[in-house]
Amino acid sequence: MNADEPLYWDPYDAGLNDDFFPVFTRIREESPLYRNEKYNFYALSRFADLERAIPNPRMFLNSRGNILELIQSDVEIPPGTLIFEDPPVHTIHRKLLSRVFTPRRIAELEPKVRQFCARALDPVVGEERFDLVTTLANDLPMWVIGMLLGIPEADQRAIREIVDGALRTGDGEAMDLSRGAVISGEIFASYIDWRRDHPSDDLMTDLLGAEFEDENGVTRTLTRDEVLTYVSVVAGAGNETTGRLIGWIGVLLARHPDQRRELAADPSLVPNAVEETLRYEPTGPVLARYVAEDVEFHGQTVPAGSALLLLLAAANRDPRQFDDPDAFDIHRRIGQQLTFGLGLHYCLGAALARLEGRVACAELLRRFPDFDIDWTGATKVHTSTIRGWDNLPLVVG
């Protein structure tokens, strides 16, 4: 977008959103409280504004959804959908689900994640080219989630395709909510019913047996429907975003060969490189909130009842927060970035996503320290919530 063109951002324009940073930069610098009349939303883009809005559940509600289409619809969100809840219910449900993401459980996963990466990448060693997305990025997150949930590996790809398909949109289209922005837990029903009679060391067993005090003060276990909802949240939230992160790692390392070679020579730099990837190309670049009360930003009032979009990708490149923010730098001292959110809705799976990204990056570079991308075969995925790559053919040198 040229500086002399009218400032306009269409969240459903696939072409514009292939590279939204020019328009996001203009919004952040020229219109820090942006108003879109066509789609009836406001947007914030500066780091300090998002730091104020994201952790404030009283003013900016999550219970109406964190996607623009959900907020503006009358879709009923099932109880227990953690990512679409506010306190006090959210506090109760988050505490239950957090037991699967303890530091001990995450650490125990690392050798298994490394083994899966080896199983995926070793067969393509010696090949002149392979697709990073279809070889590794698509399957690794679902495989990890399958381990946590106790889903047989033979069924994981089919479930991933259902989850993935429910989120996709066409160019110029909003999300089709009838296809399940909130993924139906029924696809997991047979596993939950079987696990109820065959307990094991996995998330399903934990959820089926967990006792808690609900919002009405009643001590009980989760109902079958609640367990279905919990499992669908884990599968939906953890699968798509982490797979796209691995794709962006491949893209940025191809575009910055000097930094890629430095990482290959010194794997201790990989964790910070993954963090910089999360800042530089967040897989979920936009969050939405429902405004509960009139609130003022930059001398203007956002009225109660409005949909407010929080442009994480713009804030992650705010020069008020980061030096030279449009440069990719594996040595950057990042501090706080917003890709995983802030406060009570900080992503429960953040440590797991970092682990998968770190191991995938290290195992890729261990086998392929030099590669480029055949851009003629690279394609992006289009959804209302996720930004990343559908195909990413690497040419190995």
Protein backbone atom coordinates (compact mmCIF):
# COMPACT_ATOMS: atom_id res chain seq x y z
CA MET A 1 0.00 0.00 0.00
CA ASN A 2 1.40 3.38 -1.03
CA ALA A 3 1.44 6.20 1.50
CA ASP A 4 -0.72 8.38 -0.75
CA GLU A 5 -3.51 5.77 -1.01
CA PRO A 6 -6.49 6.00 1.37
CA LEU A 7 -5.86 3.99 4.53
CA TYR A 8 -8.01 0.88 4.45
CA TRP A 9 -7.68 -2.67 5.74
CA ASP A 10 -10.05 -5.47 4.75
CA PRO A 11 -9.57 -8.46 7.09
CA TYR A 12 -11.05 -10.80 4.47
CA ASP A 13 -8.92 -9.71 1.49
CA ALA A 14 -6.50 -12.61 0.98
CA GLY A 15 -4.24 -10.66 -1.35
CA LEU A 16 -3.93 -7.75 1.05
CA ASN A 17 -3.31 -10.07 3.97
CA ASP A 18 -0.56 -12.02 2.22
CA ASP A 19 1.58 -9.10 3.37
CA PHE A 20 -0.40 -6.91 5.72
CA PHE A 21 2.59 -5.22 7.37
CA PRO A 22 2.57 -2.11 5.13
CA VAL A 23 -1.08 -1.38 5.96
CA PHE A 24 -0.62 -2.40 9.61
CA THR A 25 2.30 0.03 9.87
CA ARG A 26 0.18 2.84 8.49
CA ILE A 27 -2.69 2.00 10.85
CA ARG A 28 -0.34 1.95 13.83
CA GLU A 29 1.31 5.26 12.94
CA GLU A 30 -1.56 7.19 11.33
CA SER A 31 -4.71 5.80 12.96
CA PRO A 32 -3.89 4.07 16.26
CA LEU A 33 -7.61 3.71 16.88
CA TYR A 34 -8.73 2.53 13.45
CA ARG A 35 -12.38 2.42 12.42
CA ASN A 36 -13.71 0.16 9.66
CA GLU A 37 -17.25 1.19 8.71
CA LYS A 38 -17.84 -1.60 6.19
CA TYR A 39 -17.28 -4.42 8.67
CA ASN A 40 -18.24 -2.39 11.74
CA PHE A 41 -15.18 -2.79 13.95
CA TYR A 42 -12.48 -0.78 15.67
CA ALA A 43 -8.82 -1.81 15.81
CA LEU A 44 -5.87 -1.10 18.09
CA SER A 45 -2.32 -1.63 16.90
CA ARG A 46 0.17 -0.05 19.32
CA PHE A 47 1.96 -2.22 21.86
CA ALA A 48 0.99 -0.07 24.85
CA ASP A 49 -2.70 -0.07 23.85
CA LEU A 50 -2.76 -3.85 23.54
CA GLU A 51 -0.98 -4.18 26.88
CA ARG A 52 -3.90 -2.22 28.33
CA ALA A 53 -6.69 -4.06 26.54
CA ILE A 54 -5.70 -7.74 26.42
CA PRO A 55 -5.48 -8.40 30.20
CA ASN A 56 -8.66 -6.47 31.08
CA PRO A 57 -11.55 -8.99 31.17
CA ARG A 58 -14.00 -6.50 32.66
CA MET A 59 -13.83 -3.98 29.82
CA PHE A 60 -12.96 -6.30 26.94
CA LEU A 61 -14.94 -9.53 27.02
CA ASN A 62 -13.77 -12.83 25.62
CA SER A 63 -17.03 -14.67 26.23
CA ARG A 64 -18.54 -13.37 22.98
CA GLY A 65 -15.63 -14.94 21.05
CA ASN A 66 -12.16 -13.80 20.00
CA ILE A 67 -12.94 -13.82 16.28
CA LEU A 68 -14.78 -10.96 14.56
CA GLU A 69 -17.36 -13.27 12.97
CA LEU A 70 -18.23 -14.81 16.34
CA ILE A 71 -18.66 -11.48 18.07
CA GLN A 72 -20.96 -10.23 15.34
CA SER A 73 -23.06 -13.41 15.22
CA ASP A 74 -25.58 -15.06 17.50
CA VAL A 75 -23.67 -18.33 17.64
CA GLU A 76 -24.02 -20.01 21.02
CA ILE A 77 -20.60 -20.97 22.33
CA PRO A 78 -20.66 -24.23 24.32
CA PRO A 79 -19.93 -23.98 28.06
CA GLY A 80 -16.37 -25.00 28.84
CA THR A 81 -14.88 -23.43 25.70
CA LEU A 82 -11.98 -22.00 27.66
CA ILE A 83 -10.69 -19.63 24.99
CA PHE A 84 -14.14 -17.98 24.84
CA GLU A 85 -14.79 -17.46 28.55
CA ASP A 86 -14.38 -14.77 31.19
CA PRO A 87 -13.95 -15.01 34.98
CA PRO A 88 -15.11 -16.55 37.20
CA VAL A 89 -15.99 -19.52 34.96
CA HIS A 90 -12.78 -19.14 32.98
CA THR A 91 -10.68 -19.29 36.15
CA ILE A 92 -12.27 -22.60 37.18
CA HIS A 93 -11.95 -24.20 33.75
CA ARG A 94 -8.41 -22.96 33.13
CA LYS A 95 -7.21 -24.46 36.40
CA LEU A 96 -8.56 -27.85 35.32
CA LEU A 97 -6.94 -27.78 31.90
CA SER A 98 -3.62 -26.34 33.08
CA ARG A 99 -2.65 -29.68 34.62
CA VAL A 100 -1.77 -31.04 31.19
CA PHE A 101 0.67 -28.20 30.54
CA THR A 102 2.78 -28.52 33.67
CA PRO A 103 6.56 -28.03 33.25
CA ARG A 104 7.07 -31.73 34.05
CA ARG A 105 4.74 -32.91 31.32
CA ILE A 106 6.19 -30.53 28.75
CA ALA A 107 9.75 -31.61 29.57
CA GLU A 108 8.78 -35.27 29.29
CA LEU A 109 7.52 -34.65 25.74
CA GLU A 110 10.82 -33.36 24.33
CA PRO A 111 12.51 -36.70 23.49
CA LYS A 112 9.28 -37.94 21.91
CA VAL A 113 8.96 -34.77 19.81
CA ARG A 114 12.58 -35.21 18.72
CA GLN A 115 11.90 -38.80 17.73
CA PHE A 116 8.90 -37.79 15.65
CA CYS A 117 10.93 -35.11 13.85
CA ALA A 118 13.60 -37.71 13.06
CA ARG A 119 10.96 -40.11 11.78
CA ALA A 120 9.54 -37.41 9.50
CA LEU A 121 12.82 -35.90 8.25
CA ASP A 122 15.18 -38.88 7.97
CA PRO A 123 13.38 -40.36 4.93
CA VAL A 124 13.97 -37.15 2.92
CA VAL A 125 17.68 -36.89 3.71
CA GLY A 126 19.47 -37.16 0.39
CA GLU A 127 16.51 -35.78 -1.54
CA GLU A 128 16.99 -32.62 -3.59
CA ARG A 129 13.73 -31.13 -2.33
CA PHE A 130 10.84 -31.79 0.02
CA ASP A 131 7.83 -29.90 1.36
CA LEU A 132 8.41 -28.78 4.96
CA VAL A 133 4.68 -28.35 5.63
CA THR A 134 3.46 -31.70 4.36
CA THR A 135 6.54 -33.59 5.62
CA LEU A 136 6.65 -32.21 9.16
CA ALA A 137 4.67 -29.08 10.07
CA ASN A 138 1.19 -30.48 9.37
CA ASP A 139 1.60 -33.67 11.35
CA LEU A 140 3.84 -32.86 14.33
CA PRO A 141 1.33 -30.77 16.36
CA MET A 142 -1.51 -33.26 15.86
CA TRP A 143 0.80 -36.12 16.82
CA VAL A 144 1.74 -34.35 20.06
CA ILE A 145 -1.90 -33.55 20.82
CA GLY A 146 -2.75 -37.17 20.06
CA MET A 147 -0.23 -38.28 22.68
CA LEU A 148 -1.77 -35.94 25.24
CA LEU A 149 -5.33 -36.99 24.45
CA GLY A 150 -4.75 -40.67 23.82
CA ILE A 151 -5.96 -40.55 20.20
CA PRO A 152 -4.60 -43.42 18.06
CA GLU A 153 -2.02 -42.25 15.55
CA ALA A 154 -3.90 -43.86 12.68
CA ASP A 155 -6.80 -41.45 13.25
CA GLN A 156 -4.85 -38.25 13.86
CA ARG A 157 -4.49 -37.04 10.29
CA ALA A 158 -8.23 -37.32 9.62
CA ILE A 159 -8.98 -35.31 12.75
CA ARG A 160 -6.41 -32.69 11.78
CA GLU A 161 -8.05 -32.30 8.38
CA ILE A 162 -11.47 -31.80 10.01
CA VAL A 163 -10.08 -29.16 12.37
CA ASP A 164 -8.16 -27.46 9.57
CA GLY A 165 -11.12 -27.44 7.19
CA ALA A 166 -13.44 -25.86 9.73
CA LEU A 167 -11.18 -22.80 9.99
CA ARG A 168 -10.54 -22.09 6.32
CA THR A 169 -12.00 -19.21 4.34
CA GLY A 170 -12.02 -18.17 0.70
CA ASP A 171 -10.75 -14.84 -0.58
CA GLY A 172 -13.14 -12.12 0.53
CA GLU A 173 -15.14 -14.49 2.71
CA ALA A 174 -15.79 -14.45 6.43
CA MET A 175 -15.58 -17.68 8.38
CA ASP A 176 -18.53 -20.00 7.80
CA LEU A 177 -19.65 -20.51 11.38
CA SER A 178 -21.90 -23.41 10.39
CA ARG A 179 -18.72 -25.42 9.74
CA GLY A 180 -17.58 -24.97 13.32
CA ALA A 181 -15.45 -22.07 14.43
CA VAL A 182 -15.82 -23.88 17.73
CA ILE A 183 -14.81 -27.38 16.67
CA SER A 184 -17.44 -29.96 17.58
CA GLY A 185 -16.20 -32.30 20.28
CA GLU A 186 -18.24 -35.12 18.79
CA ILE A 187 -15.30 -36.14 16.60
CA PHE A 188 -13.58 -37.23 19.83
CA ALA A 189 -16.60 -38.94 21.37
CA SER A 190 -15.56 -42.53 20.72
CA TYR A 191 -12.12 -41.96 22.27
CA ILE A 192 -13.60 -40.38 25.37
CA ASP A 193 -16.16 -43.15 25.81
CA TRP A 194 -13.45 -45.80 25.43
CA ARG A 195 -11.07 -44.01 27.80
CA ARG A 196 -13.76 -43.78 30.48
CA ASP A 197 -13.59 -47.58 30.73
CA HIS A 198 -9.83 -47.82 30.07
CA PRO A 199 -8.05 -45.09 32.07
CA SER A 200 -4.47 -44.18 31.26
CA ASP A 201 -1.88 -41.43 31.81
CA ASP A 202 -3.33 -38.86 29.42
CA LEU A 203 -5.43 -35.72 29.35
CA MET A 204 -8.72 -37.50 28.69
CA THR A 205 -8.30 -39.64 31.80
CA ASP A 206 -7.36 -36.62 33.87
CA LEU A 207 -10.38 -34.66 32.71
CA LEU A 208 -12.80 -37.54 33.19
CA GLY A 209 -11.71 -38.03 36.80
CA ALA A 210 -11.01 -34.46 37.89
CA GLU A 211 -13.07 -33.18 40.80
CA PHE A 212 -13.63 -29.44 41.09
CA GLU A 213 -15.97 -26.85 42.58
CA ASP A 214 -18.01 -25.27 39.82
CA GLU A 215 -19.33 -21.70 39.59
CA ASN A 216 -22.40 -22.73 41.62
CA GLY A 217 -20.32 -24.07 44.50
CA VAL A 218 -21.04 -27.73 43.64
CA THR A 219 -18.17 -30.23 43.85
CA ARG A 220 -18.39 -32.58 40.89
CA THR A 221 -16.60 -34.05 37.86
CA LEU A 222 -16.97 -32.85 34.31
CA THR A 223 -19.91 -34.05 32.26
CA ARG A 224 -19.29 -35.95 29.06
CA ASP A 225 -20.22 -32.87 27.01
CA GLU A 226 -17.81 -30.72 29.00
CA VAL A 227 -14.97 -33.17 28.39
CA LEU A 228 -15.80 -33.17 24.68
CA THR A 229 -15.57 -29.38 24.67
CA TYR A 230 -12.27 -29.32 26.57
CA VAL A 231 -10.69 -31.83 24.21
CA SER A 232 -11.88 -29.91 21.15
CA VAL A 233 -10.33 -26.71 22.54
CA VAL A 234 -6.95 -28.41 22.98
CA ALA A 235 -7.07 -29.98 19.52
CA GLY A 236 -8.24 -26.85 17.73
CA ALA A 237 -6.03 -24.30 19.48
CA GLY A 238 -2.83 -26.32 19.49
CA ASN A 239 -2.83 -27.85 16.05
CA GLU A 240 -3.16 -25.11 13.47
CA THR A 241 -1.02 -22.42 15.13
CA THR A 242 2.01 -24.58 15.88
CA GLY A 243 2.08 -26.07 12.40
CA ARG A 244 2.13 -22.59 10.90
CA LEU A 245 4.95 -21.59 13.27
CA ILE A 246 7.15 -24.35 11.86
CA GLY A 247 6.42 -23.11 8.34
CA TRP A 248 7.42 -19.55 9.27
CA ILE A 249 10.65 -20.84 10.79
CA GLY A 250 11.50 -22.41 7.43
CA VAL A 251 10.60 -19.23 5.53
CA LEU A 252 12.62 -16.88 7.74
CA LEU A 253 15.68 -19.13 7.80
CA ALA A 254 15.59 -19.35 4.01
CA ARG A 255 15.31 -15.57 3.72
CA HIS A 256 18.19 -15.01 6.17
CA PRO A 257 20.87 -17.55 5.20
CA ASP A 258 23.62 -16.00 7.33
CA GLN A 259 21.48 -16.34 10.45
CA ARG A 260 20.44 -19.86 9.41
CA ARG A 261 24.07 -20.94 9.15
CA GLU A 262 24.79 -19.37 12.53
CA LEU A 263 21.95 -21.38 14.07
CA ALA A 264 23.15 -24.59 12.43
CA ALA A 265 26.61 -24.01 13.90
CA ASP A 266 25.30 -23.09 17.38
CA PRO A 267 21.99 -24.77 18.32
CA SER A 268 21.97 -22.90 21.66
CA LEU A 269 20.70 -19.91 19.67
CA VAL A 270 17.60 -21.78 18.48
CA PRO A 271 15.23 -20.91 21.39
CA ASN A 272 15.68 -17.18 20.88
CA ALA A 273 15.34 -17.62 17.11
CA VAL A 274 11.95 -19.28 17.69
CA GLU A 275 10.94 -16.42 19.98
CA GLU A 276 11.94 -13.91 17.31
CA THR A 277 9.91 -15.85 14.74
CA LEU A 278 6.87 -15.61 17.03
CA ARG A 279 7.36 -11.86 17.32
CA TYR A 280 8.15 -11.25 13.67
CA GLU A 281 5.50 -13.46 12.04
CA PRO A 282 2.81 -14.33 14.61
CA THR A 283 0.68 -17.20 13.35
CA GLY A 284 -2.40 -15.68 14.97
CA PRO A 285 -1.94 -12.01 14.03
CA VAL A 286 -5.31 -10.64 15.23
CA LEU A 287 -7.45 -11.09 18.34
CA ALA A 288 -10.98 -9.77 18.81
CA ARG A 289 -12.80 -8.60 21.90
CA TYR A 290 -16.34 -7.42 22.69
CA VAL A 291 -16.33 -3.98 24.36
CA ALA A 292 -18.40 -4.12 27.53
CA GLU A 293 -18.30 -0.42 28.44
CA ASP A 294 -17.55 2.84 26.67
CA VAL A 295 -13.76 3.24 26.61
CA GLU A 296 -11.45 5.94 25.29
CA PHE A 297 -8.32 5.50 23.19
CA HIS A 298 -6.41 8.35 21.58
CA GLY A 299 -9.11 10.89 22.38
CA GLN A 300 -11.91 8.87 20.81
CA THR A 301 -14.62 6.76 22.39
CA VAL A 302 -15.17 3.13 21.51
CA PRO A 303 -18.81 2.56 22.45
CA ALA A 304 -20.04 -0.41 24.45
CA GLY A 305 -21.18 -3.22 22.21
CA SER A 306 -18.42 -2.68 19.65
CA ALA A 307 -16.15 -5.31 18.18
CA LEU A 308 -12.51 -4.40 18.83
CA LEU A 309 -9.68 -6.05 16.89
CA LEU A 310 -6.25 -6.20 18.50
CA LEU A 311 -3.55 -6.26 15.81
CA LEU A 312 -0.89 -8.36 17.51
CA ALA A 313 1.27 -8.43 14.40
CA ALA A 314 1.36 -4.62 14.28
CA ALA A 315 2.12 -4.29 17.99
CA ASN A 316 4.91 -6.85 17.75
CA ARG A 317 6.64 -4.47 15.32
CA ASP A 318 5.94 -1.26 17.20
CA PRO A 319 9.12 0.88 17.19
CA ARG A 320 8.09 2.29 20.55
CA GLN A 321 8.71 -1.20 21.97
CA PHE A 322 11.37 -2.75 19.73
CA ASP A 323 14.47 -1.30 18.08
CA ASP A 324 14.53 -1.80 14.29
CA PRO A 325 11.32 -3.86 14.57
CA ASP A 326 11.03 -4.80 10.89
CA ALA A 327 14.38 -6.62 10.99
CA PHE A 328 14.52 -10.33 11.77
CA ASP A 329 17.28 -10.81 14.33
CA ILE A 330 17.94 -14.10 16.13
CA HIS A 331 20.03 -12.20 18.71
CA ARG A 332 17.30 -9.72 19.61
CA ARG A 333 16.58 -9.19 23.30
CA ILE A 334 12.86 -9.55 22.99
CA GLY A 335 11.44 -9.31 26.48
CA GLN A 336 7.65 -9.28 26.09
CA GLN A 337 5.96 -10.04 22.77
CA LEU A 338 2.23 -10.46 22.34
CA THR A 339 1.81 -13.53 20.15
CA PHE A 340 0.62 -15.67 23.07
CA GLY A 341 -1.43 -12.88 24.63
CA LEU A 342 -1.21 -11.51 28.18
CA GLY A 343 -2.81 -12.01 31.55
CA LEU A 344 -5.48 -14.57 32.35
CA HIS A 345 -5.88 -15.56 28.68
CA TYR A 346 -2.16 -16.09 28.11
CA CYS A 347 -1.94 -19.17 25.91
CA LEU A 348 -1.89 -22.33 28.03
CA GLY A 349 0.00 -24.15 25.30
CA ALA A 350 2.73 -21.54 24.85
CA ALA A 351 5.46 -23.70 26.38
CA LEU A 352 4.39 -26.65 24.23
CA ALA A 353 4.38 -24.56 21.05
CA ARG A 354 7.85 -23.23 21.88
CA LEU A 355 9.08 -26.77 22.49
CA GLU A 356 7.75 -28.05 19.17
CA GLY A 357 9.14 -25.05 17.29
CA ARG A 358 12.54 -25.34 18.95
CA VAL A 359 12.91 -29.08 18.35
CA ALA A 360 11.63 -28.86 14.76
CA CYS A 361 14.06 -26.03 13.99
CA ALA A 362 17.04 -27.83 15.53
CA GLU A 363 16.29 -31.16 13.84
CA LEU A 364 15.73 -29.48 10.48
CA LEU A 365 19.07 -27.65 10.64
CA ARG A 366 20.87 -30.75 11.89
CA ARG A 367 20.02 -32.46 8.61
CA PHE A 368 19.69 -29.50 6.25
CA PRO A 369 21.95 -26.59 7.22
CA ASP A 370 21.60 -25.15 3.71
CA PHE A 371 18.32 -24.81 1.87
CA ASP A 372 16.24 -22.41 -0.17
CA ILE A 373 12.55 -22.30 -1.09
CA ASP A 374 10.99 -22.91 -4.48
CA TRP A 375 8.62 -19.95 -4.28
CA THR A 376 6.73 -21.06 -7.39
CA GLY A 377 5.31 -23.95 -5.35
CA ALA A 378 4.83 -22.13 -2.05
CA THR A 379 1.23 -21.33 -1.11
CA LYS A 380 -0.37 -19.64 1.89
CA VAL A 381 -3.39 -20.74 3.87
CA HIS A 382 -6.28 -18.31 4.31
CA THR A 383 -8.34 -18.21 7.50
CA SER A 384 -9.83 -15.48 9.66
CA THR A 385 -7.53 -16.36 12.52
CA ILE A 386 -4.32 -18.01 11.29
CA ARG A 387 -1.67 -16.92 8.80
CA GLY A 388 0.89 -19.33 7.40
CA TRP A 389 1.90 -21.75 4.67
CA ASP A 390 -0.02 -24.59 3.04
CA ASN A 391 2.93 -25.71 0.93
CA LEU A 392 6.59 -24.88 1.38
CA PRO A 393 8.93 -26.80 -0.96
CA LEU A 394 12.53 -26.65 0.30
CA VAL A 395 15.37 -27.02 -2.18
CA VAL A 396 18.29 -28.60 -0.35
CA GLY A 397 21.80 -27.49 -1.27
